[in-house]
Amino acid sequence: MIRKAEVRDLDRIMEIIKATIEEMKTYGNTQWDENYPQKNDFIGDVESESLYVSEENGELYGFICANFVEPDEYKDINWESNEKCLILHRMSINPKYRNQGTATKLIKFAEKTAKENGVNYIKTDTYSINKKMNTLLLKLGYIHRGNMNFLGKEKEFYCYDKKI
C-alpha cells in the first residue's frame, strides 16, 4: 500500500537512509551522505504532504517525495516542455525489500497522482553513477535531457523527464 508519510514514519525513513548511504559507499556513490538528506528535509516533505511511503504488513518498503519544487539548477537543462510538472525527489527502497518492484510502484504512483491532478509532465534527476536509478528511469520511459552540477558533488547529475 502506498500512502502519505506521517511524522511517525520519520525514524524508519532515516533508518532506510542510513542503510542506503552505507550501500552507496560500497560502489563509490556519494550522492547521499551525512549532510544530505537530513531528517529536516523529510519533516518538510511530511508537512507539505509530498512524501509517500510504501508499506506492507507494518514494514516500510520505501519512499518517494513528489512535489512542484524545481531546483534552480534545472533552468539550464533543455527540457521537453516548460509546462507545469511534478518533480520527483529523494526516493529510496529499504535494502531488505529491494528488487521486488517497489521503486517502480512508487514512481508509477507519483505519475498516477500527477495525472489525477491535471499534471501530465514529470522531471527528476539522479547522480550519474547511481546506475540502479538511471537504469530504472530509462526503463520507465524517462528521457535523459542533460546534466547538471548539484549539491556540490564531484560528478554530474543526470536530468530526466517524461510526458505522462
Protein backbone atom coordinates (compact mmCIF):
# COMPACT_ATOMS: atom_id res chain seq x y z
CA MET A 1 0.00 0.00 0.00
CA ILE A 2 1.27 3.47 -0.83
CA ARG A 3 0.15 6.30 1.41
CA LYS A 4 1.17 9.79 2.50
CA ALA A 5 4.00 9.69 5.01
CA GLU A 6 3.38 10.78 8.57
CA VAL A 7 5.66 12.06 11.33
CA ARG A 8 5.60 8.58 12.90
CA ASP A 9 7.39 7.25 9.77
CA LEU A 10 10.41 9.54 10.06
CA ASP A 11 12.61 7.31 12.22
CA ARG A 12 12.08 4.36 9.87
CA ILE A 13 12.76 6.61 6.86
CA MET A 14 16.03 7.71 8.43
CA GLU A 15 16.97 4.05 9.03
CA ILE A 16 16.44 3.41 5.31
CA ILE A 17 18.56 6.49 4.50
CA LYS A 18 21.38 5.25 6.73
CA ALA A 19 21.34 1.79 5.13
CA THR A 20 21.16 3.31 1.64
CA ILE A 21 24.14 5.57 2.30
CA GLU A 22 26.18 2.59 3.52
CA GLU A 23 25.27 0.63 0.40
CA MET A 24 26.05 3.60 -1.87
CA LYS A 25 29.51 3.85 -0.33
CA THR A 26 30.30 0.29 -1.45
CA TYR A 27 30.22 1.37 -5.09
CA GLY A 28 31.62 4.88 -4.70
CA ASN A 29 28.28 6.71 -4.90
CA THR A 30 28.42 9.86 -2.78
CA GLN A 31 25.00 11.18 -3.87
CA TRP A 32 23.78 10.92 -0.28
CA ASP A 33 25.94 11.35 2.80
CA GLU A 34 25.84 12.64 6.38
CA ASN A 35 24.89 16.10 5.07
CA TYR A 36 22.05 15.17 2.72
CA PRO A 37 19.33 14.17 3.07
CA GLN A 38 18.59 15.20 6.65
CA LYS A 39 15.58 14.49 8.84
CA ASN A 40 14.52 18.13 8.40
CA ASP A 41 14.18 17.53 4.64
CA PHE A 42 11.65 14.80 5.36
CA ILE A 43 9.86 16.79 8.05
CA GLY A 44 9.25 19.46 5.41
CA ASP A 45 8.06 16.80 2.96
CA VAL A 46 5.60 15.42 5.52
CA GLU A 47 4.34 18.90 6.40
CA SER A 48 3.79 19.71 2.71
CA GLU A 49 2.14 16.30 2.18
CA SER A 50 4.56 15.46 -0.62
CA LEU A 51 6.23 12.37 0.86
CA TYR A 52 4.77 8.94 0.15
CA VAL A 53 5.69 5.60 1.67
CA SER A 54 5.21 2.05 0.51
CA GLU A 55 4.18 -0.07 3.48
CA GLU A 56 3.31 -3.76 3.69
CA ASN A 57 2.45 -5.67 6.86
CA GLY A 58 3.70 -2.81 9.02
CA GLU A 59 7.08 -2.72 7.25
CA LEU A 60 8.26 0.37 5.40
CA TYR A 61 9.48 -0.77 1.97
CA GLY A 62 10.46 2.64 0.62
CA PHE A 63 9.50 6.24 -0.02
CA ILE A 64 9.42 8.99 -2.62
CA CYS A 65 8.95 12.76 -2.48
CA ALA A 66 6.84 14.21 -5.29
CA ASN A 67 6.21 17.95 -5.35
CA PHE A 68 6.41 21.07 -7.51
CA VAL A 69 9.72 22.34 -6.12
CA GLU A 70 12.07 22.63 -9.08
CA PRO A 71 15.77 23.05 -8.26
CA ASP A 72 17.32 26.26 -9.63
CA GLU A 73 19.88 24.11 -11.43
CA TYR A 74 17.12 22.81 -13.74
CA LYS A 75 16.96 26.16 -15.57
CA ASP A 76 19.91 25.28 -17.83
CA ILE A 77 18.53 21.89 -18.93
CA ASN A 78 16.91 21.50 -22.35
CA TRP A 79 13.61 20.07 -21.11
CA GLU A 80 10.93 18.84 -23.49
CA SER A 81 8.42 21.30 -22.08
CA ASN A 82 8.02 24.34 -19.86
CA GLU A 83 4.58 23.25 -18.65
CA LYS A 84 3.73 22.68 -15.01
CA CYS A 85 5.35 19.49 -13.82
CA LEU A 86 5.72 17.23 -10.85
CA ILE A 87 9.28 16.80 -9.59
CA LEU A 88 10.46 13.51 -8.11
CA HIS A 89 12.99 13.75 -5.27
CA ARG A 90 14.51 11.59 -2.54
CA MET A 91 13.44 8.05 -3.34
CA SER A 92 14.88 5.05 -1.58
CA ILE A 93 13.95 1.44 -1.01
CA ASN A 94 14.68 -0.46 2.18
CA PRO A 95 17.62 -2.76 1.28
CA LYS A 96 15.71 -5.73 2.74
CA TYR A 97 12.97 -5.23 0.13
CA ARG A 98 14.89 -4.31 -3.00
CA ASN A 99 14.29 -5.99 -6.36
CA GLN A 100 10.60 -6.50 -5.62
CA GLY A 101 9.27 -3.72 -7.83
CA THR A 102 8.75 -1.17 -5.06
CA ALA A 103 10.65 1.61 -6.82
CA THR A 104 8.60 1.10 -9.98
CA LYS A 105 5.38 1.13 -7.95
CA LEU A 106 6.35 4.38 -6.22
CA ILE A 107 7.20 6.14 -9.49
CA LYS A 108 4.03 4.87 -11.18
CA PHE A 109 2.04 6.03 -8.14
CA ALA A 110 3.58 9.51 -8.49
CA GLU A 111 2.70 9.51 -12.21
CA LYS A 112 -0.90 8.49 -11.47
CA THR A 113 -1.21 11.13 -8.75
CA ALA A 114 0.12 13.77 -11.15
CA LYS A 115 -2.41 12.83 -13.84
CA GLU A 116 -5.26 12.84 -11.31
CA ASN A 117 -4.27 16.43 -10.51
CA GLY A 118 -4.11 17.55 -14.13
CA VAL A 119 -0.32 17.39 -14.44
CA ASN A 120 0.99 15.50 -17.46
CA TYR A 121 4.72 16.05 -17.16
CA ILE A 122 7.37 14.86 -14.69
CA LYS A 123 11.01 15.83 -14.13
CA THR A 124 13.63 14.24 -11.95
CA ASP A 125 17.37 13.81 -11.58
CA THR A 126 19.84 11.37 -10.12
CA TYR A 127 23.57 11.13 -9.66
CA SER A 128 25.39 9.99 -12.78
CA ILE A 129 26.92 6.98 -11.04
CA ASN A 130 23.63 5.83 -9.49
CA LYS A 131 23.31 3.05 -12.06
CA LYS A 132 20.23 1.49 -10.48
CA MET A 133 18.17 4.68 -10.61
CA ASN A 134 19.42 5.69 -14.06
CA THR A 135 18.50 2.25 -15.40
CA LEU A 136 15.07 2.34 -13.75
CA LEU A 137 14.21 5.78 -15.12
CA LEU A 138 15.13 4.76 -18.67
CA LYS A 139 13.17 1.51 -18.30
CA LEU A 140 10.10 3.51 -17.22
CA GLY A 141 10.28 5.74 -20.29
CA TYR A 142 12.06 8.78 -18.88
CA ILE A 143 14.29 10.64 -21.33
CA HIS A 144 17.75 11.92 -20.43
CA ARG A 145 17.67 15.67 -21.13
CA GLY A 146 21.03 16.85 -19.85
CA ASN A 147 23.45 17.02 -16.97
CA MET A 148 23.93 19.45 -14.11
CA ASN A 149 26.19 20.07 -11.16
CA PHE A 150 24.27 19.83 -7.91
CA LEU A 151 24.76 19.75 -4.15
CA GLY A 152 28.49 20.45 -4.55
CA LYS A 153 29.10 16.88 -5.69
CA GLU A 154 32.14 15.84 -7.72
CA LYS A 155 30.22 14.17 -10.53
CA GLU A 156 27.25 15.40 -12.55
CA PHE A 157 23.59 14.60 -12.05
CA TYR A 158 21.57 13.32 -14.99
CA CYS A 159 18.23 15.03 -15.59
CA TYR A 160 15.20 13.17 -16.95
CA ASP A 161 11.65 13.98 -17.94
CA LYS A 162 8.56 12.17 -19.11
CA LYS A 163 5.22 13.14 -20.61
CA ILE A 164 2.53 11.07 -18.95
